Amino acid sequence: MTRFAKVPEGLRHLAGEAVSAALTDSGVSVEDVEAAYVGNAVAGLVTGQEMIRGQVMLRPLGIEGIPIFNVENACASASSALNLGWQAVATGMHDVVLCLGAEKLSHEDKTIGMNAIGTAIDVEMRAELAERGYEVVTTPLTAFLRSGGSAFCLTLRLDRRSLPVSDAADRRAAFA
């Protein structure tokens, strides 16, 4: 996990710091990682980096050539990535996965981050309400914007030999 603070470094640096620490703490090597789940909500709006955010963050670490899933689910992006990674291990799809959540909202143009977080709203409903004469005001989380961002990373590993389970259904029940 990186320090939650406003930092000049970009997402690749934040992700690299978090992933390196998680791999060291877990005793897992890059070669052991079978899949990665990367949660990020607004890099596309803040930096213009779309579609391959996880691949861009992980490539400098040598993590490539495996399935890398980019997860965007507003403020739940990182926890959704963790949930999907847990499911992959719990169901036996993978033995070792990397789960990363990284976000950076700070930008030299303060309106960029504010506008990015302000998109976490149903824009069609907002337009419908505006047509009816309602004013919809979005109040972004300015505390997060002021602090800038953070990244965390976990590695999940399952030793199937230690589980007394016979199939995927039993494996899921063991983790319930």
Protein backbone atom coordinates (compact mmCIF):
# COMPACT_ATOMS: atom_id res chain seq x y z
CA MET A 1 0.00 0.00 0.00
CA THR A 2 1.24 3.46 -0.75
CA ARG A 3 0.85 6.51 1.41
CA PHE A 4 -2.48 8.25 0.82
CA ALA A 5 -1.19 11.63 -0.27
CA LYS A 6 -0.82 14.11 -3.07
CA VAL A 7 2.26 12.96 -4.95
CA PRO A 8 3.90 14.09 -8.18
CA GLU A 9 4.41 10.51 -9.43
CA GLY A 10 1.94 8.91 -11.81
CA LEU A 11 -0.15 5.77 -11.58
CA ARG A 12 2.61 3.52 -12.90
CA HIS A 13 4.85 4.60 -10.04
CA LEU A 14 2.11 4.23 -7.41
CA ALA A 15 1.14 0.81 -8.76
CA GLY A 16 4.79 -0.28 -8.93
CA GLU A 17 5.39 0.66 -5.32
CA ALA A 18 2.25 -1.17 -4.10
CA VAL A 19 2.79 -4.28 -6.24
CA SER A 20 6.47 -4.60 -5.34
CA ALA A 21 5.66 -4.37 -1.63
CA ALA A 22 2.83 -6.93 -1.91
CA LEU A 23 5.00 -9.39 -3.82
CA THR A 24 7.79 -9.03 -1.27
CA ASP A 25 5.42 -9.37 1.70
CA SER A 26 3.76 -12.46 0.25
CA GLY A 27 6.90 -14.16 -1.01
CA VAL A 28 5.33 -14.40 -4.46
CA SER A 29 7.39 -13.78 -7.58
CA VAL A 30 6.17 -12.10 -10.75
CA GLU A 31 6.37 -15.49 -12.48
CA ASP A 32 3.92 -16.97 -9.95
CA VAL A 33 1.14 -14.50 -10.82
CA GLU A 34 -1.41 -16.17 -13.10
CA ALA A 35 -3.85 -13.26 -13.53
CA ALA A 36 -4.26 -9.67 -12.39
CA TYR A 37 -7.34 -7.67 -11.47
CA VAL A 38 -6.77 -3.91 -11.57
CA GLY A 39 -9.31 -1.45 -10.19
CA ASN A 40 -9.24 2.16 -11.36
CA ALA A 41 -12.14 4.53 -11.91
CA VAL A 42 -10.99 7.81 -13.41
CA ALA A 43 -7.57 7.55 -15.06
CA GLY A 44 -9.26 7.76 -18.43
CA LEU A 45 -10.77 11.11 -17.58
CA VAL A 46 -7.76 12.50 -15.72
CA THR A 47 -4.90 11.27 -17.92
CA GLY A 48 -6.61 10.14 -21.12
CA GLN A 49 -5.40 6.54 -20.60
CA GLU A 50 -8.29 4.28 -21.53
CA MET A 51 -8.85 0.56 -22.06
CA ILE A 52 -5.45 -0.83 -20.98
CA ARG A 53 -4.87 0.89 -17.64
CA GLY A 54 -3.86 -2.30 -15.81
CA GLN A 55 -1.56 -3.38 -18.60
CA VAL A 56 0.14 0.02 -18.56
CA MET A 57 0.57 -0.03 -14.77
CA LEU A 58 1.89 -3.62 -14.62
CA ARG A 59 4.10 -3.85 -17.72
CA PRO A 60 7.07 -1.97 -16.15
CA LEU A 61 7.09 -4.64 -13.42
CA GLY A 62 7.35 -7.47 -15.95
CA ILE A 63 3.76 -8.52 -15.40
CA GLU A 64 2.42 -9.25 -18.86
CA GLY A 65 1.43 -12.22 -20.96
CA ILE A 66 -1.24 -13.18 -18.41
CA PRO A 67 -4.90 -12.20 -18.22
CA ILE A 68 -5.11 -8.65 -16.88
CA PHE A 69 -8.65 -7.54 -16.10
CA ASN A 70 -9.38 -3.82 -15.88
CA VAL A 71 -12.18 -3.18 -13.41
CA GLU A 72 -14.08 0.12 -13.30
CA ASN A 73 -16.91 0.38 -10.81
CA ALA A 74 -16.81 3.98 -9.54
CA CYS A 75 -15.65 4.17 -5.92
CA ALA A 76 -15.88 0.37 -5.65
CA SER A 77 -13.37 -0.32 -8.45
CA ALA A 78 -10.59 -1.60 -6.20
CA SER A 79 -12.88 -3.66 -3.96
CA SER A 80 -14.53 -5.12 -7.06
CA ALA A 81 -11.10 -6.10 -8.42
CA LEU A 82 -10.34 -7.76 -5.08
CA ASN A 83 -13.68 -9.59 -5.14
CA LEU A 84 -13.07 -10.89 -8.67
CA GLY A 85 -9.55 -11.99 -7.77
CA TRP A 86 -10.82 -13.77 -4.68
CA GLN A 87 -13.44 -15.56 -6.79
CA ALA A 88 -10.78 -16.71 -9.26
CA VAL A 89 -8.73 -18.25 -6.46
CA ALA A 90 -11.67 -19.60 -4.45
CA THR A 91 -13.17 -21.40 -7.45
CA GLY A 92 -9.84 -22.89 -8.47
CA MET A 93 -9.48 -20.94 -11.69
CA HIS A 94 -6.09 -19.65 -10.52
CA ASP A 95 -3.75 -20.37 -7.63
CA VAL A 96 -2.09 -16.93 -7.47
CA VAL A 97 -3.63 -13.65 -8.61
CA LEU A 98 -2.66 -10.04 -8.17
CA CYS A 99 -5.32 -7.55 -7.07
CA LEU A 100 -4.43 -3.89 -7.45
CA GLY A 101 -6.38 -0.73 -6.77
CA ALA A 102 -4.78 2.52 -7.87
CA GLU A 103 -6.23 5.97 -8.23
CA LYS A 104 -4.84 9.44 -8.74
CA LEU A 105 -7.16 12.40 -9.03
CA SER A 106 -4.70 15.25 -8.67
CA HIS A 107 -3.98 17.26 -11.79
CA GLU A 108 -2.45 20.69 -12.34
CA ASP A 109 -5.87 21.79 -13.64
CA LYS A 110 -8.02 21.31 -10.52
CA THR A 111 -11.21 21.10 -12.57
CA ILE A 112 -10.02 17.88 -14.25
CA GLY A 113 -10.21 15.80 -11.05
CA MET A 114 -13.40 17.50 -9.91
CA ASN A 115 -15.09 16.85 -13.24
CA ALA A 116 -13.86 13.25 -13.29
CA ILE A 117 -15.36 12.34 -9.92
CA GLY A 118 -18.47 14.28 -10.88
CA THR A 119 -19.21 11.73 -13.62
CA ALA A 120 -20.19 9.13 -11.02
CA ILE A 121 -23.85 9.87 -11.63
CA ASP A 122 -26.55 8.58 -13.95
CA VAL A 123 -26.16 11.21 -16.69
CA GLU A 124 -29.41 10.20 -18.43
CA MET A 125 -31.36 10.64 -15.18
CA ARG A 126 -29.61 13.95 -14.60
CA ALA A 127 -30.74 15.13 -18.06
CA GLU A 128 -34.30 13.89 -17.45
CA LEU A 129 -34.45 15.73 -14.13
CA ALA A 130 -33.06 18.89 -15.74
CA GLU A 131 -35.82 18.70 -18.38
CA ARG A 132 -38.36 18.62 -15.54
CA GLY A 133 -36.83 21.73 -14.03
CA TYR A 134 -34.76 20.17 -11.26
CA GLU A 135 -31.20 21.28 -10.62
CA VAL A 136 -28.85 18.36 -9.98
CA VAL A 137 -25.72 19.31 -8.07
CA THR A 138 -22.79 16.90 -7.85
CA THR A 139 -20.68 17.25 -4.73
CA PRO A 140 -17.34 15.48 -5.28
CA LEU A 141 -15.25 14.07 -2.49
CA THR A 142 -12.91 17.01 -2.16
CA ALA A 143 -10.96 15.38 0.69
CA PHE A 144 -9.81 12.67 -1.73
CA LEU A 145 -8.99 15.24 -4.38
CA ARG A 146 -6.89 17.24 -1.98
CA SER A 147 -4.91 14.22 -0.88
CA GLY A 148 -4.27 13.11 -4.44
CA GLY A 149 -4.46 9.34 -4.46
CA SER A 150 -3.10 6.04 -3.34
CA ALA A 151 -2.58 2.46 -4.43
CA PHE A 152 -2.82 -0.86 -2.70
CA CYS A 153 -2.08 -4.36 -3.85
CA LEU A 154 -2.71 -7.84 -2.55
CA THR A 155 -1.64 -11.22 -3.78
CA LEU A 156 -3.97 -14.14 -3.18
CA ARG A 157 -2.63 -17.66 -3.10
CA LEU A 158 -4.43 -20.93 -2.51
CA ASP A 159 -2.75 -24.24 -1.81
CA ARG A 160 -5.43 -26.63 -3.02
CA ARG A 161 -3.70 -29.54 -1.29
CA SER A 162 -4.64 -28.07 2.08
CA LEU A 163 -8.35 -27.87 1.26
CA PRO A 164 -10.56 -30.87 1.90
CA VAL A 165 -12.75 -30.12 -1.10
CA SER A 166 -13.70 -32.23 -4.07
CA ASP A 167 -15.13 -29.76 -6.55
CA ALA A 168 -15.69 -26.07 -7.26
CA ALA A 169 -18.97 -25.98 -5.30
CA ASP A 170 -17.27 -27.41 -2.22
CA ARG A 171 -14.36 -25.01 -2.70
CA ARG A 172 -16.74 -22.04 -2.80
CA ALA A 173 -18.47 -23.30 0.36
CA ALA A 174 -15.12 -23.60 2.12
CA PHE A 175 -14.57 -19.87 1.61
CA ALA A 176 -18.12 -18.77 2.49
